[in-house]
Amino acid sequence: MPIKSAPFGKAADGRNVELFTLTNDRGITARITSYGCIITELHVPDRKGRPGNVMLGFDDLQRYLAGHPMFGCIVGRFANRIGGARFTLDGVEYRLAANNGPNHIHGGRVGFDKKLWTPEAADAADGPRLTLRYTSADGEEGYPGNLSVTVVYTLTASDELRIDYSATTDKPTILNLTNHGYFNLAGAGSGTVYDQVLTLNADRYTPVDQGLIPTGEIAPVAGTPLDFRKPTPVGARIAQVGMGYDHNFVINGGGGELVVCARLEDPASGRGMEVHTTEPGVQLYTGNYLDGRIVGNGGAYVRHGGLCLETQHYPDSPNKPQFPSTVLRPGQTFRSTTVFRFYTV
């Protein structure tokens, strides 16, 4: 089915922002804006065929411009945290914005989530496709190199929302891209995700210090509240991890071909989601700082009212040589794919 576009307001600099609606013939609809590549809504049928929005977000651009907890956006240049807001590459130290205590998070103060991307819509053979492009200038947010980034969203006939990332640079740099969508398979604004059942294809995780910076160790999940190797309700052990989950898991067999990293199912609605990725890690985050004061397109968003499965390289990888590398050099092309496949049970 064709992609529809509509005006979505104006960015702070007066440029027009568009909202694109992608629909397949099986009842799935995704709405994505050129501001921040944000998925504003994602409607998925339940076991009775009734569609419901499973993505926390807003239906008003001004709500995004006013600031939000990274709802549905593309994060970059570097997703997650970099310890001490600095890294060294080829003997040169680069200093970044310390926007998370003494550390750097999610690309800085004006990361990719706050940029206006150039969109191109097409009806491809595998489904409606939205391509978004942005060029990050050398020195932007402290990162080296002119970086050309492309993000492609495809809504397939197989009930998949596929995200393909690619990038090139003219100087050695670091790169770690993800989508920061908050899912609630019972419906956005319907309460907590405690009863939703999560499975993670991860035997290990990366322990962190008090600032949530990895220590460099890779530890087993066995015997910890982080063990989701078997289907487990999200709320079963959440009280044992402080405010909630905010942990990077090491995907079994991850870091190359597409592999399954997670499954999430909502027993009440029958909605299920399977996450495939080429990335080596996935961050489970359970909306720990939502408190009911944010009202979005589904109602009030309470603490643990959505969860993120952010496919990624590990946090602080530029400062942990034992972790998979996030370095991108001239002549190389960064490529990464994540697929969210929806089904009913």
C-alpha atoms as a PDB file:
ATOM      1  CA  MET A   1       0.000   0.000   0.000  1.00  0.00           C
ATOM      2  CA  PRO A   2       1.296   3.504  -0.762  1.00  0.00           C
ATOM      3  CA  ILE A   3       3.017   5.679   1.813  1.00  0.00           C
ATOM      4  CA  LYS A   4       1.037   8.748   2.800  1.00  0.00           C
ATOM      5  CA  SER A   5       2.705  11.965   3.916  1.00  0.00           C
ATOM      6  CA  ALA A   6       1.296  14.939   5.769  1.00  0.00           C
ATOM      7  CA  PRO A   7       2.657  18.105   7.356  1.00  0.00           C
ATOM      8  CA  PHE A   8       3.733  17.665  10.990  1.00  0.00           C
ATOM      9  CA  GLY A   9       4.576  21.265  11.843  1.00  0.00           C
ATOM     10  CA  LYS A  10       7.795  23.243  11.690  1.00  0.00           C
ATOM     11  CA  ALA A  11      11.161  22.689  13.336  1.00  0.00           C
ATOM     12  CA  ALA A  12      12.683  25.377  15.540  1.00  0.00           C
ATOM     13  CA  ASP A  13      14.481  26.844  12.523  1.00  0.00           C
ATOM     14  CA  GLY A  14      11.249  27.096  10.505  1.00  0.00           C
ATOM     15  CA  ARG A  15      11.826  24.128   8.226  1.00  0.00           C
ATOM     16  CA  ASN A  16       8.868  21.879   7.439  1.00  0.00           C
ATOM     17  CA  VAL A  17       8.595  18.530   9.225  1.00  0.00           C
ATOM     18  CA  GLU A  18       6.693  15.667   7.614  1.00  0.00           C
ATOM     19  CA  LEU A  19       4.857  12.669   9.024  1.00  0.00           C
ATOM     20  CA  PHE A  20       4.775   9.492   6.941  1.00  0.00           C
ATOM     21  CA  THR A  21       2.250   6.693   7.348  1.00  0.00           C
ATOM     22  CA  LEU A  22       3.321   3.189   6.256  1.00  0.00           C
ATOM     23  CA  THR A  23       0.624   0.508   6.092  1.00  0.00           C
ATOM     24  CA  ASN A  24       0.599  -3.145   5.077  1.00  0.00           C
ATOM     25  CA  ASP A  25      -2.467  -5.169   4.086  1.00  0.00           C
ATOM     26  CA  ARG A  26      -2.415  -7.149   7.348  1.00  0.00           C
ATOM     27  CA  GLY A  27      -3.423  -4.326   9.637  1.00  0.00           C
ATOM     28  CA  ILE A  28      -0.081  -2.874  10.737  1.00  0.00           C
ATOM     29  CA  THR A  29       0.498   0.875  10.520  1.00  0.00           C
ATOM     30  CA  ALA A  30       3.678   2.794  11.372  1.00  0.00           C
ATOM     31  CA  ARG A  31       3.879   6.577  11.553  1.00  0.00           C
ATOM     32  CA  ILE A  32       7.360   8.076  11.287  1.00  0.00           C
ATOM     33  CA  THR A  33       8.447  11.710  11.241  1.00  0.00           C
ATOM     34  CA  SER A  34      11.417  13.295   9.501  1.00  0.00           C
ATOM     35  CA  TYR A  35      12.329  14.962  12.806  1.00  0.00           C
ATOM     36  CA  GLY A  36      14.621  12.539  14.624  1.00  0.00           C
ATOM     37  CA  CYS A  37      13.413   9.603  12.489  1.00  0.00           C
ATOM     38  CA  ILE A  38      10.853   9.148  15.283  1.00  0.00           C
ATOM     39  CA  ILE A  39       8.296   6.340  15.180  1.00  0.00           C
ATOM     40  CA  THR A  40       5.380   8.269  16.662  1.00  0.00           C
ATOM     41  CA  GLU A  41       2.865   5.392  16.484  1.00  0.00           C
ATOM     42  CA  LEU A  42       2.911   1.687  15.655  1.00  0.00           C
ATOM     43  CA  HIS A  43      -0.491   0.024  15.368  1.00  0.00           C
ATOM     44  CA  VAL A  44      -0.512  -3.778  15.576  1.00  0.00           C
ATOM     45  CA  PRO A  45      -3.551  -6.129  15.682  1.00  0.00           C
ATOM     46  CA  ASP A  46      -4.327  -8.210  18.767  1.00  0.00           C
ATOM     47  CA  ARG A  47      -5.434 -11.858  18.629  1.00  0.00           C
ATOM     48  CA  LYS A  48      -8.948 -10.744  17.617  1.00  0.00           C
ATOM     49  CA  GLY A  49      -7.617  -8.578  14.814  1.00  0.00           C
ATOM     50  CA  ARG A  50      -8.206  -5.294  16.621  1.00  0.00           C
ATOM     51  CA  PRO A  51      -5.364  -2.813  16.019  1.00  0.00           C
ATOM     52  CA  GLY A  52      -3.786  -0.930  18.904  1.00  0.00           C
ATOM     53  CA  ASN A  53      -0.874   1.466  19.213  1.00  0.00           C
ATOM     54  CA  VAL A  54       2.069  -0.251  20.939  1.00  0.00           C
ATOM     55  CA  MET A  55       4.599   2.624  20.723  1.00  0.00           C
ATOM     56  CA  LEU A  56       4.799   5.391  23.317  1.00  0.00           C
ATOM     57  CA  GLY A  57       4.878   8.830  21.713  1.00  0.00           C
ATOM     58  CA  PHE A  58       3.006  12.005  20.802  1.00  0.00           C
ATOM     59  CA  ASP A  59       0.772  13.111  17.959  1.00  0.00           C
ATOM     60  CA  ASP A  60       2.088  16.693  18.154  1.00  0.00           C
ATOM     61  CA  LEU A  61       5.541  17.830  16.986  1.00  0.00           C
ATOM     62  CA  GLN A  62       5.692  20.540  19.641  1.00  0.00           C
ATOM     63  CA  ARG A  63       5.676  17.864  22.334  1.00  0.00           C
ATOM     64  CA  TYR A  64       8.831  16.373  20.824  1.00  0.00           C
ATOM     65  CA  LEU A  65      10.482  19.777  20.363  1.00  0.00           C
ATOM     66  CA  ALA A  66       9.843  20.603  24.022  1.00  0.00           C
ATOM     67  CA  GLY A  67      11.901  17.592  25.137  1.00  0.00           C
ATOM     68  CA  HIS A  68      11.025  13.975  25.784  1.00  0.00           C
ATOM     69  CA  PRO A  69      12.647  10.734  27.027  1.00  0.00           C
ATOM     70  CA  MET A  70      13.885   9.696  23.557  1.00  0.00           C
ATOM     71  CA  PHE A  71      10.510   8.265  22.496  1.00  0.00           C
ATOM     72  CA  GLY A  72      10.838   6.268  19.250  1.00  0.00           C
ATOM     73  CA  CYS A  73      13.843   8.147  17.861  1.00  0.00           C
ATOM     74  CA  ILE A  74      17.099   7.238  16.160  1.00  0.00           C
ATOM     75  CA  VAL A  75      20.018   7.738  18.564  1.00  0.00           C
ATOM     76  CA  GLY A  76      23.497   8.770  17.440  1.00  0.00           C
ATOM     77  CA  ARG A  77      26.284   9.334  16.813  1.00  0.00           C
ATOM     78  CA  PHE A  78      26.807   7.059  19.752  1.00  0.00           C
ATOM     79  CA  ALA A  79      23.906   5.320  21.450  1.00  0.00           C
ATOM     80  CA  ASN A  80      24.145   4.747  25.190  1.00  0.00           C
ATOM     81  CA  ARG A  81      26.986   5.979  27.413  1.00  0.00           C
ATOM     82  CA  ILE A  82      30.639   6.910  27.001  1.00  0.00           C
ATOM     83  CA  GLY A  83      32.488   7.104  30.314  1.00  0.00           C
ATOM     84  CA  GLY A  84      34.054  10.433  31.259  1.00  0.00           C
ATOM     85  CA  ALA A  85      32.569  11.996  28.109  1.00  0.00           C
ATOM     86  CA  ARG A  86      35.798  11.332  26.220  1.00  0.00           C
ATOM     87  CA  PHE A  87      37.559   8.720  24.112  1.00  0.00           C
ATOM     88  CA  THR A  88      40.896   8.315  22.352  1.00  0.00           C
ATOM     89  CA  LEU A  89      41.158   7.285  18.708  1.00  0.00           C
ATOM     90  CA  ASP A  90      44.483   6.886  16.884  1.00  0.00           C
ATOM     91  CA  GLY A  91      46.235   8.699  19.724  1.00  0.00           C
ATOM     92  CA  VAL A  92      43.937  11.737  19.700  1.00  0.00           C
ATOM     93  CA  GLU A  93      41.595  12.435  22.620  1.00  0.00           C
ATOM     94  CA  TYR A  94      38.126  13.689  21.779  1.00  0.00           C
ATOM     95  CA  ARG A  95      35.982  15.371  24.413  1.00  0.00           C
ATOM     96  CA  LEU A  96      32.208  15.123  24.240  1.00  0.00           C
ATOM     97  CA  ALA A  97      29.315  16.757  26.072  1.00  0.00           C
ATOM     98  CA  ALA A  98      28.930  15.510  29.657  1.00  0.00           C
ATOM     99  CA  ASN A  99      25.132  15.303  29.495  1.00  0.00           C
ATOM    100  CA  ASN A 100      24.666  12.378  31.909  1.00  0.00           C
ATOM    101  CA  GLY A 101      26.524  13.401  35.045  1.00  0.00           C
ATOM    102  CA  PRO A 102      30.229  13.179  34.158  1.00  0.00           C
ATOM    103  CA  ASN A 103      29.426  10.905  31.218  1.00  0.00           C
ATOM    104  CA  HIS A 104      28.164  11.265  27.644  1.00  0.00           C
ATOM    105  CA  ILE A 105      24.896   9.677  26.532  1.00  0.00           C
ATOM    106  CA  HIS A 106      22.966   9.192  23.281  1.00  0.00           C
ATOM    107  CA  GLY A 107      25.066  11.427  21.052  1.00  0.00           C
ATOM    108  CA  GLY A 108      25.128  14.576  23.155  1.00  0.00           C
ATOM    109  CA  ARG A 109      22.926  17.575  23.755  1.00  0.00           C
ATOM    110  CA  VAL A 110      21.753  17.830  20.146  1.00  0.00           C
ATOM    111  CA  GLY A 111      22.035  14.291  18.849  1.00  0.00           C
ATOM    112  CA  PHE A 112      20.442  12.614  15.855  1.00  0.00           C
ATOM    113  CA  ASP A 113      17.118  12.493  17.710  1.00  0.00           C
ATOM    114  CA  LYS A 114      16.888  16.308  17.409  1.00  0.00           C
ATOM    115  CA  LYS A 115      17.925  16.620  13.763  1.00  0.00           C
ATOM    116  CA  LEU A 116      15.722  17.120  10.717  1.00  0.00           C
ATOM    117  CA  TRP A 117      16.410  14.309   8.263  1.00  0.00           C
ATOM    118  CA  THR A 118      15.824  14.350   4.501  1.00  0.00           C
ATOM    119  CA  PRO A 119      13.072  11.836   3.636  1.00  0.00           C
ATOM    120  CA  GLU A 120      12.379   9.790   0.526  1.00  0.00           C
ATOM    121  CA  ALA A 121       9.293   7.576   0.332  1.00  0.00           C
ATOM    122  CA  ALA A 122       8.897   4.607  -2.025  1.00  0.00           C
ATOM    123  CA  ASP A 123       6.694   1.579  -2.538  1.00  0.00           C
ATOM    124  CA  ALA A 124       9.288  -1.175  -2.724  1.00  0.00           C
ATOM    125  CA  ALA A 125       8.790  -4.825  -3.634  1.00  0.00           C
ATOM    126  CA  ASP A 126       8.951  -5.893   0.008  1.00  0.00           C
ATOM    127  CA  GLY A 127       6.646  -3.146   1.281  1.00  0.00           C
ATOM    128  CA  PRO A 128       6.373   0.613   1.841  1.00  0.00           C
ATOM    129  CA  ARG A 129       9.803   2.096   2.508  1.00  0.00           C
ATOM    130  CA  LEU A 130      10.918   5.358   4.057  1.00  0.00           C
ATOM    131  CA  THR A 131      14.554   6.405   3.603  1.00  0.00           C
ATOM    132  CA  LEU A 132      15.929   9.203   5.788  1.00  0.00           C
ATOM    133  CA  ARG A 133      19.343  10.828   5.370  1.00  0.00           C
ATOM    134  CA  TYR A 134      21.445  13.149   7.486  1.00  0.00           C
ATOM    135  CA  THR A 135      25.028  14.428   7.250  1.00  0.00           C
ATOM    136  CA  SER A 136      26.705  15.064  10.585  1.00  0.00           C
ATOM    137  CA  ALA A 137      29.467  17.646  10.221  1.00  0.00           C
ATOM    138  CA  ASP A 138      33.034  17.113  11.384  1.00  0.00           C
ATOM    139  CA  GLY A 139      33.173  18.202  15.026  1.00  0.00           C
ATOM    140  CA  GLU A 140      29.434  18.028  15.647  1.00  0.00           C
ATOM    141  CA  GLU A 141      28.942  17.230  19.343  1.00  0.00           C
ATOM    142  CA  GLY A 142      32.703  16.670  19.496  1.00  0.00           C
ATOM    143  CA  TYR A 143      32.864  13.708  17.106  1.00  0.00           C
ATOM    144  CA  PRO A 144      35.420  13.636  14.271  1.00  0.00           C
ATOM    145  CA  GLY A 145      34.620  13.255  10.596  1.00  0.00           C
ATOM    146  CA  ASN A 146      31.873  14.275   8.202  1.00  0.00           C
ATOM    147  CA  LEU A 147      29.476  11.371   8.641  1.00  0.00           C
ATOM    148  CA  SER A 148      26.781  10.545   6.065  1.00  0.00           C
ATOM    149  CA  VAL A 149      24.016   8.447   7.640  1.00  0.00           C
ATOM    150  CA  THR A 150      21.058   6.653   6.053  1.00  0.00           C
ATOM    151  CA  VAL A 151      18.199   5.012   7.952  1.00  0.00           C
ATOM    152  CA  VAL A 152      15.641   2.941   6.040  1.00  0.00           C
ATOM    153  CA  TYR A 153      12.324   1.848   7.539  1.00  0.00           C
ATOM    154  CA  THR A 154      10.449  -0.897   5.667  1.00  0.00           C
ATOM    155  CA  LEU A 155       7.062  -2.292   6.686  1.00  0.00           C
ATOM    156  CA  THR A 156       6.911  -5.729   5.097  1.00  0.00           C
ATOM    157  CA  ALA A 157       4.042  -8.018   4.110  1.00  0.00           C
ATOM    158  CA  SER A 158       5.453 -10.447   6.703  1.00  0.00           C
ATOM    159  CA  ASP A 159       4.436  -8.083   9.542  1.00  0.00           C
ATOM    160  CA  GLU A 160       7.965  -6.826  10.091  1.00  0.00           C
ATOM    161  CA  LEU A 161       9.181  -3.315  10.736  1.00  0.00           C
ATOM    162  CA  ARG A 162      12.728  -3.467   9.409  1.00  0.00           C
ATOM    163  CA  ILE A 163      15.367  -0.818  10.113  1.00  0.00           C
ATOM    164  CA  ASP A 164      18.504  -0.751   7.961  1.00  0.00           C
ATOM    165  CA  TYR A 165      21.312   1.605   8.921  1.00  0.00           C
ATOM    166  CA  SER A 166      24.331   2.609   6.827  1.00  0.00           C
ATOM    167  CA  ALA A 167      27.003   5.289   7.147  1.00  0.00           C
ATOM    168  CA  THR A 168      30.318   6.488   5.722  1.00  0.00           C
ATOM    169  CA  THR A 169      32.911   8.942   7.034  1.00  0.00           C
ATOM    170  CA  ASP A 170      35.834  10.983   5.716  1.00  0.00           C
ATOM    171  CA  LYS A 171      37.842  10.681   8.986  1.00  0.00           C
ATOM    172  CA  PRO A 172      38.214   7.877  11.515  1.00  0.00           C
ATOM    173  CA  THR A 173      35.302   8.136  13.945  1.00  0.00           C
ATOM    174  CA  ILE A 174      33.081   6.053  16.222  1.00  0.00           C
ATOM    175  CA  LEU A 175      29.488   5.093  15.580  1.00  0.00           C
ATOM    176  CA  ASN A 176      26.741   3.246  17.439  1.00  0.00           C
ATOM    177  CA  LEU A 177      23.166   3.639  16.167  1.00  0.00           C
ATOM    178  CA  THR A 178      19.890   2.360  17.567  1.00  0.00           C
ATOM    179  CA  ASN A 179      16.169   3.055  17.722  1.00  0.00           C
ATOM    180  CA  HIS A 180      14.897   4.076  21.164  1.00  0.00           C
ATOM    181  CA  GLY A 181      11.290   2.934  20.821  1.00  0.00           C
ATOM    182  CA  TYR A 182       9.281   2.272  23.997  1.00  0.00           C
ATOM    183  CA  PHE A 183       6.972  -0.722  23.472  1.00  0.00           C
ATOM    184  CA  ASN A 184       3.873  -1.684  25.403  1.00  0.00           C
ATOM    185  CA  LEU A 185       2.167  -4.570  23.624  1.00  0.00           C
ATOM    186  CA  ALA A 186      -1.000  -4.085  25.680  1.00  0.00           C
ATOM    187  CA  GLY A 187      -1.240  -0.585  24.228  1.00  0.00           C
ATOM    188  CA  ALA A 188       0.546   2.693  24.873  1.00  0.00           C
ATOM    189  CA  GLY A 189      -0.796   4.292  28.042  1.00  0.00           C
ATOM    190  CA  SER A 190      -2.436   1.073  29.284  1.00  0.00           C
ATOM    191  CA  GLY A 191      -0.320   0.735  32.433  1.00  0.00           C
ATOM    192  CA  THR A 192       2.889  -1.136  33.224  1.00  0.00           C
ATOM    193  CA  VAL A 193       4.564  -3.904  31.229  1.00  0.00           C
ATOM    194  CA  TYR A 194       4.930  -6.148  34.301  1.00  0.00           C
ATOM    195  CA  ASP A 195       2.733  -8.954  32.926  1.00  0.00           C
ATOM    196  CA  GLN A 196       4.339  -9.000  29.498  1.00  0.00           C
ATOM    197  CA  VAL A 197       6.600 -11.989  29.036  1.00  0.00           C
ATOM    198  CA  LEU A 198      10.182 -11.406  27.891  1.00  0.00           C
ATOM    199  CA  THR A 199      12.765 -13.844  26.541  1.00  0.00           C
ATOM    200  CA  LEU A 200      16.336 -12.740  25.806  1.00  0.00           C
ATOM    201  CA  ASN A 201      18.806 -14.777  23.772  1.00  0.00           C
ATOM    202  CA  ALA A 202      21.633 -13.775  26.091  1.00  0.00           C
ATOM    203  CA  ASP A 203      23.676 -15.854  28.517  1.00  0.00           C
ATOM    204  CA  ARG A 204      25.799 -12.866  29.564  1.00  0.00           C
ATOM    205  CA  TYR A 205      25.646  -9.133  30.247  1.00  0.00           C
ATOM    206  CA  THR A 206      28.038  -6.238  30.867  1.00  0.00           C
ATOM    207  CA  PRO A 207      28.109  -5.220  34.573  1.00  0.00           C
ATOM    208  CA  VAL A 208      28.290  -1.483  35.273  1.00  0.00           C
ATOM    209  CA  ASP A 209      29.511   0.905  37.955  1.00  0.00           C
ATOM    210  CA  GLN A 210      27.346   3.434  39.818  1.00  0.00           C
ATOM    211  CA  GLY A 211      27.340   5.712  36.770  1.00  0.00           C
ATOM    212  CA  LEU A 212      26.072   2.847  34.572  1.00  0.00           C
ATOM    213  CA  ILE A 213      29.415   2.655  32.753  1.00  0.00           C
ATOM    214  CA  PRO A 214      30.528  -0.929  31.996  1.00  0.00           C
ATOM    215  CA  THR A 215      33.367  -2.193  34.162  1.00  0.00           C
ATOM    216  CA  GLY A 216      34.742  -4.150  31.190  1.00  0.00           C
ATOM    217  CA  GLU A 217      33.681  -7.484  32.632  1.00  0.00           C
ATOM    218  CA  ILE A 218      31.303  -9.807  30.794  1.00  0.00           C
ATOM    219  CA  ALA A 219      29.376 -11.838  33.361  1.00  0.00           C
ATOM    220  CA  PRO A 220      26.783 -14.642  33.276  1.00  0.00           C
ATOM    221  CA  VAL A 221      23.111 -13.788  33.836  1.00  0.00           C
ATOM    222  CA  ALA A 222      22.563 -17.126  35.632  1.00  0.00           C
ATOM    223  CA  GLY A 223      21.452 -16.618  39.214  1.00  0.00           C
ATOM    224  CA  THR A 224      20.698 -12.902  38.729  1.00  0.00           C
ATOM    225  CA  PRO A 225      17.471 -10.920  38.133  1.00  0.00           C
ATOM    226  CA  LEU A 226      18.780 -10.435  34.580  1.00  0.00           C
ATOM    227  CA  ASP A 227      18.168 -14.042  33.555  1.00  0.00           C
ATOM    228  CA  PHE A 228      15.528 -13.923  30.817  1.00  0.00           C
ATOM    229  CA  ARG A 229      16.784 -16.985  28.980  1.00  0.00           C
ATOM    230  CA  LYS A 230      13.394 -18.570  29.667  1.00  0.00           C
ATOM    231  CA  PRO A 231      10.121 -16.653  29.186  1.00  0.00           C
ATOM    232  CA  THR A 232       9.675 -14.485  32.286  1.00  0.00           C
ATOM    233  CA  PRO A 233       7.208 -11.692  33.147  1.00  0.00           C
ATOM    234  CA  VAL A 234       9.020  -8.354  33.073  1.00  0.00           C
ATOM    235  CA  GLY A 235       7.763  -7.519  36.541  1.00  0.00           C
ATOM    236  CA  ALA A 236       8.749 -10.830  38.164  1.00  0.00           C
ATOM    237  CA  ARG A 237      12.110  -9.574  39.493  1.00  0.00           C
ATOM    238  CA  ILE A 238      12.111  -5.879  38.589  1.00  0.00           C
ATOM    239  CA  ALA A 239      12.061  -4.850  42.261  1.00  0.00           C
ATOM    240  CA  GLN A 240      15.463  -6.496  42.660  1.00  0.00           C
ATOM    241  CA  VAL A 241      17.197  -4.103  40.241  1.00  0.00           C
ATOM    242  CA  GLY A 242      16.556  -0.724  41.837  1.00  0.00           C
ATOM    243  CA  MET A 243      14.409   1.580  39.737  1.00  0.00           C
ATOM    244  CA  GLY A 244      14.155  -0.985  36.952  1.00  0.00           C
ATOM    245  CA  TYR A 245      16.141  -2.557  34.140  1.00  0.00           C
ATOM    246  CA  ASP A 246      18.763  -0.525  32.296  1.00  0.00           C
ATOM    247  CA  HIS A 247      21.228  -3.245  31.272  1.00  0.00           C
ATOM    248  CA  ASN A 248      23.164  -4.271  28.179  1.00  0.00           C
ATOM    249  CA  PHE A 249      22.938  -7.946  27.277  1.00  0.00           C
ATOM    250  CA  VAL A 250      25.468  -9.848  25.148  1.00  0.00           C
ATOM    251  CA  ILE A 251      23.463 -11.554  22.399  1.00  0.00           C
ATOM    252  CA  ASN A 252      24.318 -15.214  21.833  1.00  0.00           C
ATOM    253  CA  GLY A 253      25.849 -15.406  18.365  1.00  0.00           C
ATOM    254  CA  GLY A 254      25.311 -11.691  17.837  1.00  0.00           C
ATOM    255  CA  GLY A 255      27.433  -9.311  15.839  1.00  0.00           C
ATOM    256  CA  GLY A 256      27.145 -10.372  12.206  1.00  0.00           C
ATOM    257  CA  GLU A 257      24.194 -12.173  10.669  1.00  0.00           C
ATOM    258  CA  LEU A 258      20.621 -11.522  11.743  1.00  0.00           C
ATOM    259  CA  VAL A 259      19.847 -13.484  14.912  1.00  0.00           C
ATOM    260  CA  VAL A 260      16.893 -13.457  17.298  1.00  0.00           C
ATOM    261  CA  CYS A 261      17.788 -11.419  20.365  1.00  0.00           C
ATOM    262  CA  ALA A 262      14.431 -11.033  22.116  1.00  0.00           C
ATOM    263  CA  ARG A 263      10.774 -12.031  22.232  1.00  0.00           C
ATOM    264  CA  LEU A 264       8.056 -10.113  24.041  1.00  0.00           C
ATOM    265  CA  GLU A 265       4.474 -11.335  24.436  1.00  0.00           C
ATOM    266  CA  ASP A 266       1.403  -9.819  26.062  1.00  0.00           C
ATOM    267  CA  PRO A 267      -0.868 -12.583  27.371  1.00  0.00           C
ATOM    268  CA  ALA A 268      -3.920 -10.300  27.596  1.00  0.00           C
ATOM    269  CA  SER A 269      -3.960  -9.009  24.004  1.00  0.00           C
ATOM    270  CA  GLY A 270      -2.123 -11.902  22.386  1.00  0.00           C
ATOM    271  CA  ARG A 271       0.334  -9.565  20.693  1.00  0.00           C
ATOM    272  CA  GLY A 272       3.883 -10.841  20.292  1.00  0.00           C
ATOM    273  CA  MET A 273       7.084  -9.281  18.998  1.00  0.00           C
ATOM    274  CA  GLU A 274      10.331 -10.951  17.971  1.00  0.00           C
ATOM    275  CA  VAL A 275      13.467  -8.850  17.591  1.00  0.00           C
ATOM    276  CA  HIS A 276      16.216  -9.838  15.135  1.00  0.00           C
ATOM    277  CA  THR A 277      19.474  -7.909  14.809  1.00  0.00           C
ATOM    278  CA  THR A 278      23.002  -7.937  13.431  1.00  0.00           C
ATOM    279  CA  GLU A 279      24.225  -6.059  16.530  1.00  0.00           C
ATOM    280  CA  PRO A 280      26.197  -7.780  19.336  1.00  0.00           C
ATOM    281  CA  GLY A 281      24.163  -6.299  22.201  1.00  0.00           C
ATOM    282  CA  VAL A 282      20.706  -5.207  23.296  1.00  0.00           C
ATOM    283  CA  GLN A 283      19.858  -2.736  26.061  1.00  0.00           C
ATOM    284  CA  LEU A 284      16.772  -3.538  28.090  1.00  0.00           C
ATOM    285  CA  TYR A 285      15.355  -0.327  29.535  1.00  0.00           C
ATOM    286  CA  THR A 286      12.015  -0.251  31.337  1.00  0.00           C
ATOM    287  CA  GLY A 287      11.069   3.428  31.343  1.00  0.00           C
ATOM    288  CA  ASN A 288      12.359   3.918  34.865  1.00  0.00           C
ATOM    289  CA  TYR A 289      11.877   7.689  34.963  1.00  0.00           C
ATOM    290  CA  LEU A 290       8.357   7.847  33.581  1.00  0.00           C
ATOM    291  CA  ASP A 291       6.082   8.980  36.390  1.00  0.00           C
ATOM    292  CA  GLY A 292       2.621   9.543  34.929  1.00  0.00           C
ATOM    293  CA  ARG A 293       3.131  13.243  34.256  1.00  0.00           C
ATOM    294  CA  ILE A 294       3.813  12.709  30.552  1.00  0.00           C
ATOM    295  CA  VAL A 295       0.564  12.209  28.655  1.00  0.00           C
ATOM    296  CA  GLY A 296       1.023  10.896  25.141  1.00  0.00           C
ATOM    297  CA  ASN A 297      -1.020   9.488  22.297  1.00  0.00           C
ATOM    298  CA  GLY A 298      -2.303   6.657  24.492  1.00  0.00           C
ATOM    299  CA  GLY A 299      -2.767   8.395  27.842  1.00  0.00           C
ATOM    300  CA  ALA A 300      -0.516   8.875  30.862  1.00  0.00           C
ATOM    301  CA  TYR A 301       2.831   7.077  30.770  1.00  0.00           C
ATOM    302  CA  VAL A 302       3.531   5.589  34.195  1.00  0.00           C
ATOM    303  CA  ARG A 303       6.820   4.201  35.488  1.00  0.00           C
ATOM    304  CA  HIS A 304       7.589   0.951  33.658  1.00  0.00           C
ATOM    305  CA  GLY A 305       4.791   1.776  31.211  1.00  0.00           C
ATOM    306  CA  GLY A 306       6.972   0.781  28.262  1.00  0.00           C
ATOM    307  CA  LEU A 307      10.212  -1.012  27.563  1.00  0.00           C
ATOM    308  CA  CYS A 308      13.021  -0.473  25.095  1.00  0.00           C
ATOM    309  CA  LEU A 309      15.016  -3.197  23.357  1.00  0.00           C
ATOM    310  CA  GLU A 310      17.838  -1.079  21.954  1.00  0.00           C
ATOM    311  CA  THR A 311      19.980  -3.178  19.622  1.00  0.00           C
ATOM    312  CA  GLN A 312      23.503  -1.804  19.819  1.00  0.00           C
ATOM    313  CA  HIS A 313      27.201  -2.196  20.415  1.00  0.00           C
ATOM    314  CA  TYR A 314      28.072  -2.235  24.098  1.00  0.00           C
ATOM    315  CA  PRO A 315      28.137   1.026  26.092  1.00  0.00           C
ATOM    316  CA  ASP A 316      31.554   2.689  26.457  1.00  0.00           C
ATOM    317  CA  SER A 317      33.009   0.493  23.709  1.00  0.00           C
ATOM    318  CA  PRO A 318      35.471   3.233  22.584  1.00  0.00           C
ATOM    319  CA  ASN A 319      37.126   2.988  26.025  1.00  0.00           C
ATOM    320  CA  LYS A 320      36.943  -0.808  26.300  1.00  0.00           C
ATOM    321  CA  PRO A 321      39.259  -2.391  23.698  1.00  0.00           C
ATOM    322  CA  GLN A 322      38.044  -5.860  24.739  1.00  0.00           C
ATOM    323  CA  PHE A 323      34.525  -4.984  23.479  1.00  0.00           C
ATOM    324  CA  PRO A 324      33.536  -5.218  19.779  1.00  0.00           C
ATOM    325  CA  SER A 325      34.891  -2.177  17.963  1.00  0.00           C
ATOM    326  CA  THR A 326      32.726   0.824  17.070  1.00  0.00           C
ATOM    327  CA  VAL A 327      35.412   2.490  14.932  1.00  0.00           C
ATOM    328  CA  LEU A 328      34.465   3.488  11.371  1.00  0.00           C
ATOM    329  CA  ARG A 329      37.199   4.526   8.955  1.00  0.00           C
ATOM    330  CA  PRO A 330      37.213   6.194   5.526  1.00  0.00           C
ATOM    331  CA  GLY A 331      36.556   3.669   2.776  1.00  0.00           C
ATOM    332  CA  GLN A 332      34.428   1.495   5.071  1.00  0.00           C
ATOM    333  CA  THR A 333      30.625   1.391   5.142  1.00  0.00           C
ATOM    334  CA  PHE A 334      28.845   0.865   8.443  1.00  0.00           C
ATOM    335  CA  ARG A 335      25.853  -1.450   8.062  1.00  0.00           C
ATOM    336  CA  SER A 336      23.403  -2.679  10.671  1.00  0.00           C
ATOM    337  CA  THR A 337      19.911  -4.177  10.567  1.00  0.00           C
ATOM    338  CA  THR A 338      17.219  -4.694  13.186  1.00  0.00           C
ATOM    339  CA  VAL A 339      13.843  -6.305  12.491  1.00  0.00           C
ATOM    340  CA  PHE A 340      10.759  -6.187  14.720  1.00  0.00           C
ATOM    341  CA  ARG A 341       8.421  -9.034  13.685  1.00  0.00           C
ATOM    342  CA  PHE A 342       4.873  -9.022  15.047  1.00  0.00           C
ATOM    343  CA  TYR A 343       2.587 -12.018  15.576  1.00  0.00           C
ATOM    344  CA  THR A 344      -0.273 -13.187  17.780  1.00  0.00           C
ATOM    345  CA  VAL A 345      -0.532 -15.992  20.338  1.00  0.00           C
END
